[in-house]
C-alpha atoms as a PDB file:
ATOM      1  CA  MET A   1       0.000   0.000   0.000  1.00  0.00           C
ATOM      2  CA  GLN A   2       1.257   3.425  -0.898  1.00  0.00           C
ATOM      3  CA  GLY A   3       1.973   5.694   2.071  1.00  0.00           C
ATOM      4  CA  GLU A   4       2.023   2.744   4.469  1.00  0.00           C
ATOM      5  CA  ASP A   5       4.658   2.991   7.195  1.00  0.00           C
ATOM      6  CA  ARG A   6       6.943  -0.035   6.759  1.00  0.00           C
ATOM      7  CA  ARG A   7       9.149   0.703   9.754  1.00  0.00           C
ATOM      8  CA  ARG A   8       9.763  -2.168  12.136  1.00  0.00           C
ATOM      9  CA  GLU A   9      10.626   0.069  15.078  1.00  0.00           C
ATOM     10  CA  PRO A  10       9.080   3.259  16.394  1.00  0.00           C
ATOM     11  CA  ARG A  11      10.888   6.481  15.577  1.00  0.00           C
ATOM     12  CA  VAL A  12      11.445   9.348  17.992  1.00  0.00           C
ATOM     13  CA  LYS A  13      11.603  12.847  16.565  1.00  0.00           C
ATOM     14  CA  VAL A  14      14.646  14.843  17.659  1.00  0.00           C
ATOM     15  CA  ASP A  15      16.601  17.858  16.450  1.00  0.00           C
ATOM     16  CA  MET A  16      20.279  17.406  17.231  1.00  0.00           C
ATOM     17  CA  PRO A  17      23.443  18.662  15.508  1.00  0.00           C
ATOM     18  CA  ALA A  18      25.754  16.012  14.076  1.00  0.00           C
ATOM     19  CA  ALA A  19      29.125  15.814  12.368  1.00  0.00           C
ATOM     20  CA  VAL A  20      28.867  13.412   9.437  1.00  0.00           C
ATOM     21  CA  THR A  21      31.829  11.902   7.609  1.00  0.00           C
ATOM     22  CA  VAL A  22      31.183  10.097   4.342  1.00  0.00           C
ATOM     23  CA  LEU A  23      33.875   7.417   4.451  1.00  0.00           C
ATOM     24  CA  GLY A  24      35.834   6.352   1.405  1.00  0.00           C
ATOM     25  CA  ALA A  25      38.952   7.156  -0.581  1.00  0.00           C
ATOM     26  CA  ALA A  26      38.422  10.904  -0.059  1.00  0.00           C
ATOM     27  CA  PRO A  27      36.386  11.300   3.164  1.00  0.00           C
ATOM     28  CA  GLU A  28      33.923  14.193   3.116  1.00  0.00           C
ATOM     29  CA  VAL A  29      32.840  15.931   6.325  1.00  0.00           C
ATOM     30  CA  MET A  30      29.635  17.918   6.709  1.00  0.00           C
ATOM     31  CA  THR A  31      27.386  19.209   9.441  1.00  0.00           C
ATOM     32  CA  ALA A  32      23.873  17.821   9.630  1.00  0.00           C
ATOM     33  CA  ARG A  33      20.864  17.528  11.926  1.00  0.00           C
ATOM     34  CA  VAL A  34      19.455  14.284  13.270  1.00  0.00           C
ATOM     35  CA  ALA A  35      15.698  14.469  12.622  1.00  0.00           C
ATOM     36  CA  ASP A  36      14.610  11.148  14.140  1.00  0.00           C
ATOM     37  CA  VAL A  37      16.065   7.986  15.653  1.00  0.00           C
ATOM     38  CA  SER A  38      15.081   4.365  16.180  1.00  0.00           C
ATOM     39  CA  GLY A  39      16.799   1.309  17.581  1.00  0.00           C
ATOM     40  CA  SER A  40      18.515   0.542  14.280  1.00  0.00           C
ATOM     41  CA  GLY A  41      18.657   3.780  12.337  1.00  0.00           C
ATOM     42  CA  LEU A  42      18.205   7.499  12.065  1.00  0.00           C
ATOM     43  CA  LEU A  43      17.205  10.206   9.654  1.00  0.00           C
ATOM     44  CA  LEU A  44      19.632  13.013   8.866  1.00  0.00           C
ATOM     45  CA  ALA A  45      18.926  16.396   7.316  1.00  0.00           C
ATOM     46  CA  THR A  46      22.018  17.288   5.256  1.00  0.00           C
ATOM     47  CA  PRO A  47      23.005  20.200   2.998  1.00  0.00           C
ATOM     48  CA  ARG A  48      24.137  17.829   0.212  1.00  0.00           C
ATOM     49  CA  PRO A  49      23.029  14.438  -1.074  1.00  0.00           C
ATOM     50  CA  ILE A  50      24.822  11.279   0.048  1.00  0.00           C
ATOM     51  CA  GLN A  51      24.835   8.279  -2.272  1.00  0.00           C
ATOM     52  CA  PRO A  52      22.894   5.198  -1.044  1.00  0.00           C
ATOM     53  CA  ASP A  53      25.158   2.444   0.339  1.00  0.00           C
ATOM     54  CA  SER A  54      27.782   5.030   1.355  1.00  0.00           C
ATOM     55  CA  PRO A  55      29.434   4.221   4.705  1.00  0.00           C
ATOM     56  CA  LEU A  56      29.096   6.979   7.310  1.00  0.00           C
ATOM     57  CA  ARG A  57      30.664   8.013  10.587  1.00  0.00           C
ATOM     58  CA  ILE A  58      28.240  10.149  12.617  1.00  0.00           C
ATOM     59  CA  GLU A  59      29.153  12.007  15.804  1.00  0.00           C
ATOM     60  CA  VAL A  60      26.218  13.187  17.908  1.00  0.00           C
ATOM     61  CA  GLU A  61      26.896  14.604  21.367  1.00  0.00           C
ATOM     62  CA  ASP A  62      28.760  11.849  23.243  1.00  0.00           C
ATOM     63  CA  VAL A  63      28.022   9.075  20.717  1.00  0.00           C
ATOM     64  CA  LEU A  64      29.862   7.741  17.668  1.00  0.00           C
ATOM     65  CA  LEU A  65      27.792   5.837  15.093  1.00  0.00           C
ATOM     66  CA  LEU A  66      28.890   3.850  12.056  1.00  0.00           C
ATOM     67  CA  GLY A  67      26.311   3.046   9.417  1.00  0.00           C
ATOM     68  CA  GLU A  68      25.332   3.205   5.789  1.00  0.00           C
ATOM     69  CA  VAL A  69      22.927   5.272   3.731  1.00  0.00           C
ATOM     70  CA  CYS A  70      19.683   3.457   2.857  1.00  0.00           C
ATOM     71  CA  ARG A  71      17.921   6.281   1.037  1.00  0.00           C
ATOM     72  CA  CYS A  72      18.481   9.919   0.133  1.00  0.00           C
ATOM     73  CA  GLN A  73      15.699  12.282  -0.950  1.00  0.00           C
ATOM     74  CA  ASN A  74      15.537  16.011  -1.578  1.00  0.00           C
ATOM     75  CA  ASP A  75      12.754  17.748   0.314  1.00  0.00           C
ATOM     76  CA  GLY A  76      13.320  21.128  -1.333  1.00  0.00           C
ATOM     77  CA  ALA A  77      15.370  22.848   1.362  1.00  0.00           C
ATOM     78  CA  GLN A  78      17.691  19.995   2.298  1.00  0.00           C
ATOM     79  CA  TRP A  79      18.402  16.315   1.813  1.00  0.00           C
ATOM     80  CA  ARG A  80      16.749  13.653   3.988  1.00  0.00           C
ATOM     81  CA  VAL A  81      19.216  10.795   4.448  1.00  0.00           C
ATOM     82  CA  ALA A  82      18.015   7.533   6.013  1.00  0.00           C
ATOM     83  CA  VAL A  83      20.837   5.664   7.771  1.00  0.00           C
ATOM     84  CA  ARG A  84      21.023   2.058   8.962  1.00  0.00           C
ATOM     85  CA  VAL A  85      23.264   2.039  12.043  1.00  0.00           C
ATOM     86  CA  HIS A  86      25.634  -0.931  12.319  1.00  0.00           C
ATOM     87  CA  HIS A  87      27.750   0.075  15.339  1.00  0.00           C
ATOM     88  CA  SER A  88      27.506   2.629  18.118  1.00  0.00           C
ATOM     89  CA  LEU A  89      29.847   3.704  20.879  1.00  0.00           C
ATOM     90  CA  SER A  90      28.646   5.962  23.676  1.00  0.00           C
ATOM     91  CA  GLY A  91      30.409   7.511  26.644  1.00  0.00           C
ATOM     92  CA  LEU A  92      33.184   8.970  24.492  1.00  0.00           C
ATOM     93  CA  LYS A  93      34.010  11.756  26.942  1.00  0.00           C
ATOM     94  CA  GLU A  94      34.466   9.257  29.761  1.00  0.00           C
ATOM     95  CA  LEU A  95      36.534   7.022  27.479  1.00  0.00           C
ATOM     96  CA  GLU A  96      38.753   9.990  26.556  1.00  0.00           C
ATOM     97  CA  ARG A  97      39.176  10.908  30.233  1.00  0.00           C
ATOM     98  CA  LEU A  98      40.167   7.341  31.131  1.00  0.00           C
ATOM     99  CA  ASN A  99      42.548   7.150  28.177  1.00  0.00           C
ATOM    100  CA  ARG A 100      44.273  10.381  29.212  1.00  0.00           C
ATOM    101  CA  ALA A 101      44.569   9.167  32.796  1.00  0.00           C
ATOM    102  CA  LEU A 102      46.086   5.907  31.557  1.00  0.00           C
ATOM    103  CA  LEU A 103      48.540   7.737  29.293  1.00  0.00           C
ATOM    104  CA  ASP A 104      49.516  10.117  32.099  1.00  0.00           C
ATOM    105  CA  THR A 105      50.056   7.176  34.465  1.00  0.00           C
ATOM    106  CA  ASP A 106      52.166   5.408  31.841  1.00  0.00           C
ATOM    107  CA  LYS A 107      54.199   8.572  31.231  1.00  0.00           C
ATOM    108  CA  GLU A 108      54.821   9.022  34.978  1.00  0.00           C
ATOM    109  CA  ALA A 109      55.914   5.384  35.292  1.00  0.00           C
ATOM    110  CA  ARG A 110      58.404   5.768  32.428  1.00  0.00           C
ATOM    111  CA  GLN A 111      59.810   8.921  34.002  1.00  0.00           C
ATOM    112  CA  ARG A 112      60.342   7.113  37.330  1.00  0.00           C
ATOM    113  CA  THR A 113      61.958   4.045  35.766  1.00  0.00           C
ATOM    114  CA  PRO A 114      65.731   4.388  35.709  1.00  0.00           C
ATOM    115  CA  ARG A 115      67.344   4.022  32.314  1.00  0.00           C
ATOM    116  CA  PRO A 116      70.303   1.748  31.905  1.00  0.00           C
ATOM    117  CA  ASP A 117      73.514   3.539  30.976  1.00  0.00           C
ATOM    118  CA  ARG A 118      74.403   3.271  27.315  1.00  0.00           C
END
């Protein structure tokens, strides 16, 4: 049926800024807005079209998403890009803090370790 909603999961409308990288031989970075999200995907509003099947890296707040473009349509003012999310990583700020603490601890340990004479 035409106009029938074929989505398997409910979508939640949002309006969040995102940094989108179209991955490939010459990665392209653009700013976008996340228009809605579900358990397995999201809808982006972008200034330029993105080819279906293109792999994407999407950074939204404290989350990194990896996915691919399912569909891209022009709505007049912008492009609506449907994305199937394959991987997500949240808590990036905490991960960065822990990584820095680990690196600082490692650096301090190296500074305290005596070097053998050459």
